[in-house]
Amino acid sequence: MRNFILGLGLAAGMAIGQVYETTSGLGRKLYSLPDDAALLSARRALAADPKNATKALALSKAQAGRRRYQEAIATCTKALVLAPKDADLYLERGHRELGLREFGKARTDLEQAVQLAPDNLDAHYHLGLAHYFSGEFATAANSFERARGLAKNDDSLIDCSNWLYVSLQRAGKGEQAAKALERITPTVKNTEPHLYFYLQLLHFYQGKLTEAKVLPAKPAGPEDVEGELSFNTVNYGVSNWKLYHGKRAEAMPHFTNVVKGEAWNSWGFIGSELELLRGGK
C-alpha cells in the first residue's frame, strides 16, 4: 500500500511541478500550489512596510492559501523578531507547522499563543489538534472543551464539538463523548459552507444520519477544492468512528481513499495518514 501511495504522490508532484514542502510519513512528497494574485499582492504590501506585523500575518496566510507552508512559517518567524508577543503570529506559525506534520513545534507555538491570548478560541482549537495528532487524545479533549467554551456562534460550536467528540471517543471516554453531542440540537445551523460537513458528521454520530447518507461523492478533480475537503473530512470522520467502534477492517479503506487525494493539508488527510501509519491501532 505504501509504495502505491508513494507512486501516486510522486506522479502528482512532478505533474504539478511546484515547490516541495515536505514528505509524509507514508513517503509521499508533498508540493505547494502556484502563486496567485492574493499572494503576490501580500508580498508587495509587506515589502513596502517590512516591519508591519499585520502585513506579515496577511502574507503568511496568503502563502498558506497556496500550501507554501515553509514560506509561511519563515514569514512568521521573521515577524516574531519584531513582535515577540504577538499571539496571532504564534497561532499562525503553529497552524502551518501542523500542516507540515511538525506536531511538537506546533504544540510549543500554540501553547505560547494560548498563554498570550487565553481567550483566543483558535489558539485552543489548534492546540487541541496538535495534541490529537500526537495521539494525546484526553489532553486534546481538554483544549477543544476550552475552545468550545469560547464559541460565540453555531459555526464555532459545530467545529469544536466535532473534535471534542472524537477526542473523547479516542480517549476511551464514550459517555463524556455522548454528552458532548447534547448541544447539537435541531436549531444548530452552519453558516460557513465547509462546516456543513462537520454538522453532518455530528448528526451521524447522533444516529440521525446513516453512513450512506453522510458520505459525499468523490471530488470532481484536483481543482474541486471544496469537494475534496468534504470528501476528506467526512471519510475521515466515518472511518474514525468505525475505528473506535472496533471495526478496524472497515475503517482502513476509507483512510486509504483520503490520502490518494491532493489536499494534503486538510485535517482529514493528516488524520487518515496517521491512522495508516499506526495501522489503525
Protein backbone atom coordinates (compact mmCIF):
# COMPACT_ATOMS: atom_id res chain seq x y z
CA MET A 1 0.00 0.00 0.00
CA ARG A 2 2.79 2.42 0.98
CA ASN A 3 4.56 2.07 -2.37
CA PHE A 4 1.29 2.54 -4.24
CA ILE A 5 0.54 5.78 -2.36
CA LEU A 6 4.14 6.95 -2.79
CA GLY A 7 3.89 6.41 -6.55
CA LEU A 8 0.70 8.43 -6.74
CA GLY A 9 2.30 11.29 -4.81
CA LEU A 10 5.44 11.41 -6.93
CA ALA A 11 3.43 11.43 -10.13
CA ALA A 12 1.16 14.19 -8.87
CA GLY A 13 4.09 16.27 -7.62
CA MET A 14 6.02 16.04 -10.87
CA ALA A 15 2.92 16.87 -12.87
CA ILE A 16 2.26 19.97 -10.81
CA GLY A 17 5.94 20.94 -10.75
CA GLN A 18 5.59 23.15 -7.68
CA VAL A 19 7.72 23.84 -4.62
CA TYR A 20 8.49 20.82 -2.47
CA GLU A 21 7.11 21.26 1.08
CA THR A 22 7.64 18.02 2.98
CA THR A 23 7.44 14.23 2.79
CA SER A 24 4.61 12.50 4.59
CA GLY A 25 5.13 9.59 6.94
CA LEU A 26 3.86 7.37 4.14
CA GLY A 27 6.72 8.52 1.91
CA ARG A 28 4.71 10.81 -0.32
CA LYS A 29 6.33 14.06 -1.40
CA LEU A 30 4.01 17.00 -0.87
CA TYR A 31 4.04 20.13 -3.01
CA SER A 32 2.69 23.66 -2.94
CA LEU A 33 0.40 25.36 -5.46
CA PRO A 34 1.41 28.18 -7.84
CA ASP A 35 1.39 31.79 -6.69
CA ASP A 36 -1.88 33.65 -7.14
CA ALA A 37 -2.82 37.32 -7.22
CA ALA A 38 -3.55 37.45 -3.50
CA LEU A 39 -0.11 36.09 -2.62
CA LEU A 40 1.69 38.47 -4.98
CA SER A 41 -0.26 41.41 -3.54
CA ALA A 42 0.55 40.40 0.05
CA ARG A 43 4.25 40.14 -0.82
CA ARG A 44 4.26 43.64 -2.28
CA ALA A 45 2.42 45.03 0.72
CA LEU A 46 4.94 43.64 3.22
CA ALA A 47 7.91 44.65 1.05
CA ALA A 48 6.64 48.23 1.23
CA ASP A 49 6.28 48.07 5.02
CA PRO A 50 8.59 45.25 6.23
CA LYS A 51 8.20 45.93 9.96
CA ASN A 52 4.42 45.67 9.91
CA ALA A 53 3.38 42.51 11.80
CA THR A 54 -0.19 42.72 10.48
CA LYS A 55 1.05 42.65 6.89
CA ALA A 56 3.41 39.79 7.74
CA LEU A 57 0.48 37.81 9.11
CA ALA A 58 -1.52 38.54 5.96
CA LEU A 59 1.38 37.33 3.80
CA SER A 60 1.72 34.14 5.83
CA LYS A 61 -1.96 33.39 5.35
CA ALA A 62 -1.71 34.09 1.62
CA GLN A 63 1.30 31.77 1.38
CA ALA A 64 -0.57 29.07 3.30
CA GLY A 65 -3.50 29.50 0.94
CA ARG A 66 -1.21 28.21 -1.80
CA ARG A 67 0.16 25.48 0.53
CA ARG A 68 3.51 27.29 0.75
CA TYR A 69 3.82 26.32 4.37
CA GLN A 70 7.59 26.55 4.62
CA GLU A 71 7.44 30.15 3.40
CA ALA A 72 4.53 30.94 5.73
CA ILE A 73 6.47 29.66 8.73
CA ALA A 74 9.55 31.68 7.72
CA THR A 75 7.42 34.80 7.34
CA CYS A 76 6.05 34.37 10.87
CA THR A 77 9.50 33.67 12.30
CA LYS A 78 10.88 36.92 10.87
CA ALA A 79 7.88 38.89 12.12
CA LEU A 80 8.19 37.44 15.63
CA VAL A 81 11.64 39.01 15.94
CA LEU A 82 9.90 42.37 15.67
CA ALA A 83 6.73 41.42 17.56
CA PRO A 84 7.71 38.68 20.04
CA LYS A 85 4.42 38.87 21.99
CA ASP A 86 2.08 38.68 19.01
CA ALA A 87 -0.23 35.73 19.76
CA ASP A 88 -1.62 35.71 16.23
CA LEU A 89 1.83 35.10 14.77
CA TYR A 90 2.43 32.14 17.11
CA LEU A 91 -1.02 30.82 16.22
CA GLU A 92 -0.38 31.18 12.51
CA ARG A 93 3.05 29.53 12.68
CA GLY A 94 1.69 26.68 14.78
CA HIS A 95 -1.18 26.18 12.36
CA ARG A 96 1.23 25.77 9.43
CA GLU A 97 3.55 23.51 11.42
CA LEU A 98 0.57 21.19 11.90
CA GLY A 99 0.20 21.03 8.12
CA LEU A 100 3.86 20.02 7.80
CA ARG A 101 3.36 17.27 10.43
CA GLU A 102 5.69 19.08 12.85
CA PHE A 103 3.42 18.46 15.80
CA GLY A 104 5.95 19.11 18.55
CA LYS A 105 6.90 22.51 17.15
CA ALA A 106 3.25 23.32 16.62
CA ARG A 107 2.41 22.44 20.21
CA THR A 108 5.14 24.76 21.51
CA ASP A 109 3.95 27.68 19.38
CA LEU A 110 0.27 27.11 20.14
CA GLU A 111 0.91 26.86 23.87
CA GLN A 112 2.61 30.26 23.58
CA ALA A 113 -0.40 31.62 21.68
CA VAL A 114 -2.74 30.36 24.41
CA GLN A 115 -0.57 31.90 27.11
CA LEU A 116 -0.53 35.27 25.34
CA ALA A 117 -4.21 35.21 24.37
CA PRO A 118 -6.16 32.85 26.69
CA ASP A 119 -9.49 33.96 25.22
CA ASN A 120 -8.50 33.12 21.65
CA LEU A 121 -10.70 30.23 20.51
CA ASP A 122 -8.48 29.38 17.52
CA ALA A 123 -5.41 29.07 19.72
CA HIS A 124 -7.08 26.47 21.95
CA TYR A 125 -8.60 24.73 18.92
CA HIS A 126 -5.31 24.33 17.08
CA LEU A 127 -3.52 23.31 20.27
CA GLY A 128 -6.18 20.61 20.54
CA LEU A 129 -5.27 19.44 17.04
CA ALA A 130 -1.57 19.34 17.94
CA HIS A 131 -2.36 17.05 20.88
CA TYR A 132 -4.84 15.00 18.86
CA PHE A 133 -2.45 14.31 16.00
CA SER A 134 0.20 13.39 18.57
CA GLY A 135 -2.15 10.74 19.98
CA GLU A 136 -2.72 12.71 23.20
CA PHE A 137 -6.47 12.39 23.00
CA ALA A 138 -7.51 13.24 26.57
CA THR A 139 -5.34 16.38 26.54
CA ALA A 140 -6.76 17.27 23.12
CA ALA A 141 -10.28 17.00 24.53
CA ASN A 142 -9.38 19.49 27.26
CA SER A 143 -8.25 22.01 24.65
CA PHE A 144 -11.33 21.52 22.50
CA GLU A 145 -13.54 21.91 25.57
CA ARG A 146 -11.87 25.24 26.32
CA ALA A 147 -12.26 26.30 22.70
CA ARG A 148 -15.94 25.36 22.68
CA GLY A 149 -16.46 27.37 25.84
CA LEU A 150 -15.34 30.42 23.86
CA ALA A 151 -17.69 29.77 20.93
CA LYS A 152 -19.93 32.73 20.10
CA ASN A 153 -21.79 31.24 17.12
CA ASP A 154 -23.05 27.95 15.74
CA ASP A 155 -20.13 27.57 13.32
CA SER A 156 -17.62 27.53 16.17
CA LEU A 157 -19.87 25.28 18.23
CA ILE A 158 -20.08 22.78 15.37
CA ASP A 159 -16.35 22.80 14.64
CA CYS A 160 -15.26 22.42 18.26
CA SER A 161 -17.95 19.85 19.09
CA ASN A 162 -16.77 17.56 16.30
CA TRP A 163 -13.19 17.46 17.55
CA LEU A 164 -14.22 17.33 21.19
CA TYR A 165 -16.41 14.31 20.48
CA VAL A 166 -13.80 12.36 18.54
CA SER A 167 -11.06 13.21 21.05
CA LEU A 168 -13.16 11.86 23.90
CA GLN A 169 -14.00 8.73 21.91
CA ARG A 170 -10.35 8.11 21.12
CA ALA A 171 -9.52 8.68 24.79
CA GLY A 172 -11.96 5.91 25.70
CA LYS A 173 -14.46 8.29 27.30
CA GLY A 174 -17.60 7.27 25.45
CA GLU A 175 -20.09 8.60 28.00
CA GLN A 176 -18.49 12.04 28.01
CA ALA A 177 -18.39 11.98 24.22
CA ALA A 178 -22.13 11.32 24.08
CA LYS A 179 -22.75 14.28 26.40
CA ALA A 180 -20.65 16.48 24.12
CA LEU A 181 -23.29 15.99 21.42
CA GLU A 182 -26.16 17.28 23.55
CA ARG A 183 -25.63 20.89 22.44
CA ILE A 184 -26.09 19.89 18.79
CA THR A 185 -29.84 20.41 18.64
CA PRO A 186 -32.04 20.80 15.52
CA THR A 187 -31.71 24.59 15.88
CA VAL A 188 -27.93 24.48 15.34
CA LYS A 189 -27.14 25.50 11.75
CA ASN A 190 -23.93 26.21 9.90
CA THR A 191 -23.11 29.44 8.09
CA GLU A 192 -19.67 28.63 6.66
CA PRO A 193 -20.16 26.09 3.83
CA HIS A 194 -17.40 23.66 4.84
CA LEU A 195 -18.82 23.36 8.34
CA TYR A 196 -21.89 21.73 6.84
CA PHE A 197 -19.83 18.55 6.63
CA TYR A 198 -18.91 18.67 10.30
CA LEU A 199 -22.57 19.20 11.13
CA GLN A 200 -23.48 16.19 9.01
CA LEU A 201 -20.88 14.15 10.87
CA LEU A 202 -22.29 15.25 14.22
CA HIS A 203 -25.72 14.08 13.08
CA PHE A 204 -24.14 10.79 12.03
CA TYR A 205 -22.59 10.42 15.48
CA GLN A 206 -26.03 11.10 16.98
CA GLY A 207 -27.54 8.33 14.85
CA LYS A 208 -29.67 10.75 12.85
CA LEU A 209 -27.92 10.03 9.54
CA THR A 210 -26.74 6.73 8.10
CA GLU A 211 -23.27 6.20 6.67
CA ALA A 212 -24.75 6.08 3.17
CA LYS A 213 -26.45 9.43 3.70
CA VAL A 214 -23.44 11.21 5.16
CA LEU A 215 -20.67 10.07 2.79
CA PRO A 216 -20.13 12.60 -0.03
CA ALA A 217 -19.37 11.86 -3.66
CA LYS A 218 -15.76 11.74 -4.79
CA PRO A 219 -14.32 15.16 -5.81
CA ALA A 220 -14.69 16.04 -9.47
CA GLY A 221 -10.92 16.51 -9.84
CA PRO A 222 -7.84 18.28 -8.44
CA GLU A 223 -9.50 21.69 -8.89
CA ASP A 224 -12.56 20.68 -6.86
CA VAL A 225 -11.12 22.01 -3.59
CA GLU A 226 -14.42 22.13 -1.69
CA GLY A 227 -15.34 18.67 -2.95
CA GLU A 228 -12.05 17.20 -1.77
CA LEU A 229 -12.28 18.97 1.58
CA SER A 230 -15.73 17.48 2.22
CA PHE A 231 -14.59 14.06 0.98
CA ASN A 232 -11.57 14.07 3.30
CA THR A 233 -13.47 15.42 6.29
CA VAL A 234 -16.38 13.02 6.15
CA ASN A 235 -14.45 9.92 5.13
CA TYR A 236 -12.02 10.50 7.98
CA GLY A 237 -14.88 11.05 10.40
CA VAL A 238 -16.71 7.90 9.35
CA SER A 239 -13.60 5.73 9.30
CA ASN A 240 -12.52 7.12 12.67
CA TRP A 241 -15.98 6.23 14.03
CA LYS A 242 -15.51 2.68 12.75
CA LEU A 243 -12.11 2.54 14.41
CA TYR A 244 -13.28 3.41 17.91
CA HIS A 245 -16.26 1.09 17.50
CA GLY A 246 -13.97 -1.87 16.85
CA LYS A 247 -14.43 -2.05 13.07
CA ARG A 248 -10.81 -1.62 12.06
CA ALA A 249 -11.03 -3.66 8.84
CA GLU A 250 -13.87 -1.45 7.60
CA ALA A 251 -12.07 1.75 8.58
CA MET A 252 -8.78 1.30 6.75
CA PRO A 253 -10.08 1.55 3.14
CA HIS A 254 -11.61 4.97 3.91
CA PHE A 255 -8.29 6.23 5.26
CA THR A 256 -6.55 4.94 2.13
CA ASN A 257 -9.01 6.69 -0.18
CA VAL A 258 -8.43 10.01 1.55
CA VAL A 259 -4.64 10.00 1.18
CA LYS A 260 -4.90 9.40 -2.57
CA GLY A 261 -6.09 12.99 -2.97
CA GLU A 262 -4.24 16.28 -3.29
CA ALA A 263 -5.48 18.27 -0.26
CA TRP A 264 -2.62 17.06 1.93
CA ASN A 265 -3.03 20.00 4.32
CA SER A 266 -6.60 19.09 5.34
CA TRP A 267 -7.16 17.67 8.81
CA GLY A 268 -8.94 14.64 7.37
CA PHE A 269 -5.93 13.87 5.20
CA ILE A 270 -3.48 14.24 8.08
CA GLY A 271 -5.65 12.14 10.38
CA SER A 272 -6.03 9.41 7.77
CA GLU A 273 -2.30 9.39 7.10
CA LEU A 274 -1.55 8.95 10.80
CA GLU A 275 -4.01 6.06 11.16
CA LEU A 276 -2.42 4.26 8.22
CA LEU A 277 0.96 4.71 9.93
CA ARG A 278 -0.44 3.39 13.20
CA GLY A 279 -2.15 0.50 11.45
CA GLY A 280 -5.49 1.55 12.92
CA LYS A 281 -4.37 0.78 16.48
